[in-house]
């Protein structure tokens, strides 16, 4: 990489920081961008530049959105008494693609993982307690997967909900999801059945 012109080297260094891209892949990507018409590379650059300004987190569910609250939270056809908790936005997208869940969502922003310094303060528990305090939610569905971190998080949230909101039912997706798997990697039918046959925690 030493012989690259400085502007190209700077771009390759930036691209190589993206997940799944090493220096060689980043160089191939940069060279592809150089072959694009100038208008297309500028449009891509503007899209990346404007991403932070045009997207933000929905104050109700924590999803990435261009309006606040997001379209899912303001959809009048969705039931208000069921709240599905997921660890990250991509898990919500996976569930939503299935089309079988018509309740509300809340994104926790991770799972409890003490070894990685992810504790309860790192999760969106304040957003959760605000939603539950509104009094509409009758059931919290934990769609967190079956990893050790997911189990620890589920146990923590169940205890918190039972202590603060005793009238709210806490369920989890049925165990059709393999041990150690994450929701975002599940196929649609497995997720549909897991949601349909969810279990008391």
Protein backbone atom coordinates (compact mmCIF):
# COMPACT_ATOMS: atom_id res chain seq x y z
CA UNK A 1 0.00 0.00 0.00
CA UNK A 2 3.03 2.29 0.25
CA UNK A 3 3.09 3.09 -3.51
CA UNK A 4 -0.57 4.15 -3.73
CA UNK A 5 -1.32 7.81 -4.41
CA UNK A 6 -2.25 9.49 -1.12
CA UNK A 7 -5.98 10.10 -1.91
CA UNK A 8 -6.41 6.45 -2.92
CA UNK A 9 -4.45 5.20 0.10
CA UNK A 10 -6.60 7.35 2.43
CA UNK A 11 -9.82 5.85 0.96
CA UNK A 12 -8.47 2.28 1.11
CA UNK A 13 -7.50 2.79 4.77
CA UNK A 14 -11.04 4.02 5.56
CA UNK A 15 -12.75 1.19 3.64
CA UNK A 16 -10.54 -1.43 5.30
CA UNK A 17 -12.10 -0.46 8.66
CA UNK A 18 -15.49 -1.77 7.52
CA UNK A 19 -16.50 -5.25 8.75
CA UNK A 20 -15.42 -8.01 6.37
CA UNK A 21 -13.06 -5.83 4.35
CA UNK A 22 -9.31 -6.21 4.58
CA UNK A 23 -6.74 -4.07 2.75
CA UNK A 24 -6.93 -6.10 -0.49
CA UNK A 25 -10.75 -6.08 -0.61
CA UNK A 26 -10.75 -2.38 0.23
CA UNK A 27 -8.35 -1.69 -2.64
CA UNK A 28 -10.55 -3.67 -5.07
CA UNK A 29 -13.58 -1.70 -3.89
CA UNK A 30 -11.76 1.62 -4.27
CA UNK A 31 -10.62 0.67 -7.79
CA UNK A 32 -14.22 -0.23 -8.69
CA UNK A 33 -15.36 3.19 -7.45
CA UNK A 34 -12.74 4.83 -9.67
CA UNK A 35 -14.29 3.08 -12.71
CA UNK A 36 -17.76 4.43 -11.91
CA UNK A 37 -18.99 7.62 -13.59
CA UNK A 38 -18.10 10.67 -11.51
CA UNK A 39 -21.79 11.44 -10.90
CA UNK A 40 -22.32 8.00 -9.30
CA UNK A 41 -19.32 8.22 -6.97
CA UNK A 42 -20.39 11.72 -5.92
CA UNK A 43 -23.93 10.45 -5.27
CA UNK A 44 -22.53 7.63 -3.13
CA UNK A 45 -20.34 10.11 -1.26
CA UNK A 46 -23.33 12.40 -0.60
CA UNK A 47 -25.37 9.43 0.60
CA UNK A 48 -22.67 8.47 3.10
CA UNK A 49 -22.22 12.13 4.13
CA UNK A 50 -25.97 12.67 4.67
CA UNK A 51 -26.57 9.35 6.45
CA UNK A 52 -25.93 10.73 9.94
CA UNK A 53 -28.01 13.86 9.31
CA UNK A 54 -31.04 12.08 7.84
CA UNK A 55 -31.25 9.03 10.12
CA UNK A 56 -31.83 8.95 13.86
CA UNK A 57 -33.28 6.61 16.48
CA UNK A 58 -37.03 6.41 17.02
CA UNK A 59 -37.74 7.68 20.52
CA UNK A 60 -40.32 4.92 21.12
CA UNK A 61 -38.66 1.76 19.79
CA UNK A 62 -35.04 2.71 19.08
CA UNK A 63 -35.15 1.75 15.38
CA UNK A 64 -33.22 3.66 12.74
CA UNK A 65 -35.66 5.98 11.01
CA UNK A 66 -35.96 9.17 9.02
CA UNK A 67 -39.06 10.27 10.98
CA UNK A 68 -39.72 10.24 14.73
CA UNK A 69 -41.63 8.26 15.83
CA UNK A 70 -41.04 5.68 13.11
CA UNK A 71 -43.62 4.25 10.71
CA UNK A 72 -44.02 1.02 12.72
CA UNK A 73 -44.71 2.88 15.98
CA UNK A 74 -47.32 5.11 14.33
CA UNK A 75 -49.04 2.31 12.38
CA UNK A 76 -52.62 2.29 13.74
CA UNK A 77 -53.20 -1.27 12.50
CA UNK A 78 -50.61 -2.71 14.90
CA UNK A 79 -51.67 -3.90 18.34
CA UNK A 80 -50.46 -1.75 21.23
CA UNK A 81 -50.67 -4.37 23.99
CA UNK A 82 -47.78 -6.59 22.81
CA UNK A 83 -44.15 -5.41 22.89
CA UNK A 84 -41.44 -7.54 21.28
CA UNK A 85 -37.93 -6.95 22.60
CA UNK A 86 -35.02 -7.58 20.24
CA UNK A 87 -31.32 -6.97 20.80
CA UNK A 88 -30.57 -5.08 17.56
CA UNK A 89 -32.34 -3.43 14.64
CA UNK A 90 -31.49 -6.23 12.18
CA UNK A 91 -33.36 -8.74 14.36
CA UNK A 92 -36.44 -6.51 14.17
CA UNK A 93 -36.10 -6.34 10.38
CA UNK A 94 -35.89 -10.14 10.18
CA UNK A 95 -39.05 -10.56 12.28
CA UNK A 96 -40.85 -7.85 10.33
CA UNK A 97 -40.02 -9.49 6.97
CA UNK A 98 -42.00 -12.54 8.07
CA UNK A 99 -45.21 -10.50 8.32
CA UNK A 100 -46.63 -12.64 11.15
CA UNK A 101 -46.09 -10.27 14.09
CA UNK A 102 -48.34 -7.20 14.29
CA UNK A 103 -47.41 -5.76 17.67
CA UNK A 104 -44.89 -3.12 18.77
CA UNK A 105 -41.09 -3.42 19.05
CA UNK A 106 -38.36 -2.17 21.30
CA UNK A 107 -34.66 -2.49 20.50
CA UNK A 108 -32.47 -3.07 23.54
CA UNK A 109 -29.24 -2.09 21.80
CA UNK A 110 -27.39 -5.26 22.80
CA UNK A 111 -27.37 -8.11 25.29
CA UNK A 112 -25.88 -8.37 28.76
CA UNK A 113 -22.26 -9.47 28.36
CA UNK A 114 -20.16 -8.63 31.43
CA UNK A 115 -16.95 -9.92 29.83
CA UNK A 116 -17.44 -7.36 27.03
CA UNK A 117 -18.38 -4.61 29.51
CA UNK A 118 -22.02 -4.62 28.38
CA UNK A 119 -24.04 -4.21 31.57
CA UNK A 120 -27.62 -3.14 32.28
CA UNK A 121 -26.68 0.53 31.94
CA UNK A 122 -25.66 -0.15 28.34
CA UNK A 123 -29.15 -1.37 27.36
CA UNK A 124 -32.21 0.74 26.55
CA UNK A 125 -33.98 -0.18 29.79
CA UNK A 126 -35.12 3.40 30.41
CA UNK A 127 -36.98 3.34 27.08
CA UNK A 128 -38.52 0.00 28.11
CA UNK A 129 -39.73 1.27 31.49
CA UNK A 130 -41.23 4.37 29.82
CA UNK A 131 -43.18 2.15 27.40
CA UNK A 132 -44.40 -0.12 30.17
CA UNK A 133 -45.36 2.85 32.36
CA UNK A 134 -47.79 4.00 29.64
CA UNK A 135 -49.98 1.07 30.74
CA UNK A 136 -50.89 -0.25 27.28
CA UNK A 137 -48.49 -3.21 27.13
CA UNK A 138 -49.97 -6.46 28.48
CA UNK A 139 -47.29 -8.82 27.14
CA UNK A 140 -43.53 -8.49 26.62
CA UNK A 141 -42.18 -11.00 24.08
CA UNK A 142 -38.45 -11.67 24.40
CA UNK A 143 -37.02 -12.36 20.93
CA UNK A 144 -33.38 -12.40 21.98
CA UNK A 145 -32.09 -15.74 20.69
CA UNK A 146 -30.66 -18.61 22.73
CA UNK A 147 -27.08 -17.57 23.42
CA UNK A 148 -25.76 -17.35 26.99
CA UNK A 149 -25.94 -13.55 26.74
CA UNK A 150 -29.55 -13.76 25.52
CA UNK A 151 -30.50 -16.05 28.41
CA UNK A 152 -28.88 -13.72 30.96
CA UNK A 153 -30.65 -10.73 29.44
CA UNK A 154 -34.00 -12.55 29.39
CA UNK A 155 -33.66 -13.51 33.06
CA UNK A 156 -32.75 -9.93 34.01
CA UNK A 157 -35.65 -8.38 32.07
CA UNK A 158 -38.18 -10.91 33.31
CA UNK A 159 -37.22 -10.15 36.93
CA UNK A 160 -37.37 -6.39 36.28
CA UNK A 161 -40.80 -6.54 34.59
CA UNK A 162 -42.27 -8.87 37.22
CA UNK A 163 -41.02 -6.60 40.00
CA UNK A 164 -42.13 -3.26 38.52
CA UNK A 165 -45.12 -4.26 36.37
CA UNK A 166 -46.69 -7.41 37.89
CA UNK A 167 -49.68 -7.33 35.51
CA UNK A 168 -47.50 -7.66 32.41
CA UNK A 169 -46.97 -11.16 31.02
CA UNK A 170 -43.41 -12.06 29.92
CA UNK A 171 -43.01 -14.66 27.17
CA UNK A 172 -40.22 -15.80 24.89
CA UNK A 173 -40.06 -17.23 21.41
CA UNK A 174 -40.62 -20.98 21.33
CA UNK A 175 -37.43 -23.00 21.31
CA UNK A 176 -37.55 -23.85 17.62
CA UNK A 177 -34.51 -21.60 17.44
CA UNK A 178 -31.34 -23.69 17.81
CA UNK A 179 -29.17 -23.22 20.88
CA UNK A 180 -26.54 -20.56 20.28
CA UNK A 181 -28.38 -19.00 17.32
CA UNK A 182 -29.37 -15.37 16.81
CA UNK A 183 -32.81 -14.19 15.67
CA UNK A 184 -31.44 -12.28 12.67
CA UNK A 185 -30.11 -15.52 11.12
CA UNK A 186 -33.37 -17.52 11.41
CA UNK A 187 -35.55 -18.45 8.48
CA UNK A 188 -39.06 -17.00 8.26
CA UNK A 189 -41.00 -20.19 9.10
CA UNK A 190 -38.90 -20.94 12.20
CA UNK A 191 -39.49 -17.39 13.41
CA UNK A 192 -43.22 -17.57 12.65
CA UNK A 193 -43.62 -20.76 14.68
CA UNK A 194 -41.43 -19.40 17.47
CA UNK A 195 -43.64 -16.34 17.70
CA UNK A 196 -46.90 -18.30 17.44
CA UNK A 197 -45.89 -20.84 20.11
CA UNK A 198 -44.07 -18.43 22.41
CA UNK A 199 -43.66 -19.60 26.00
CA UNK A 200 -44.08 -18.15 29.44
CA UNK A 201 -40.75 -17.25 31.01
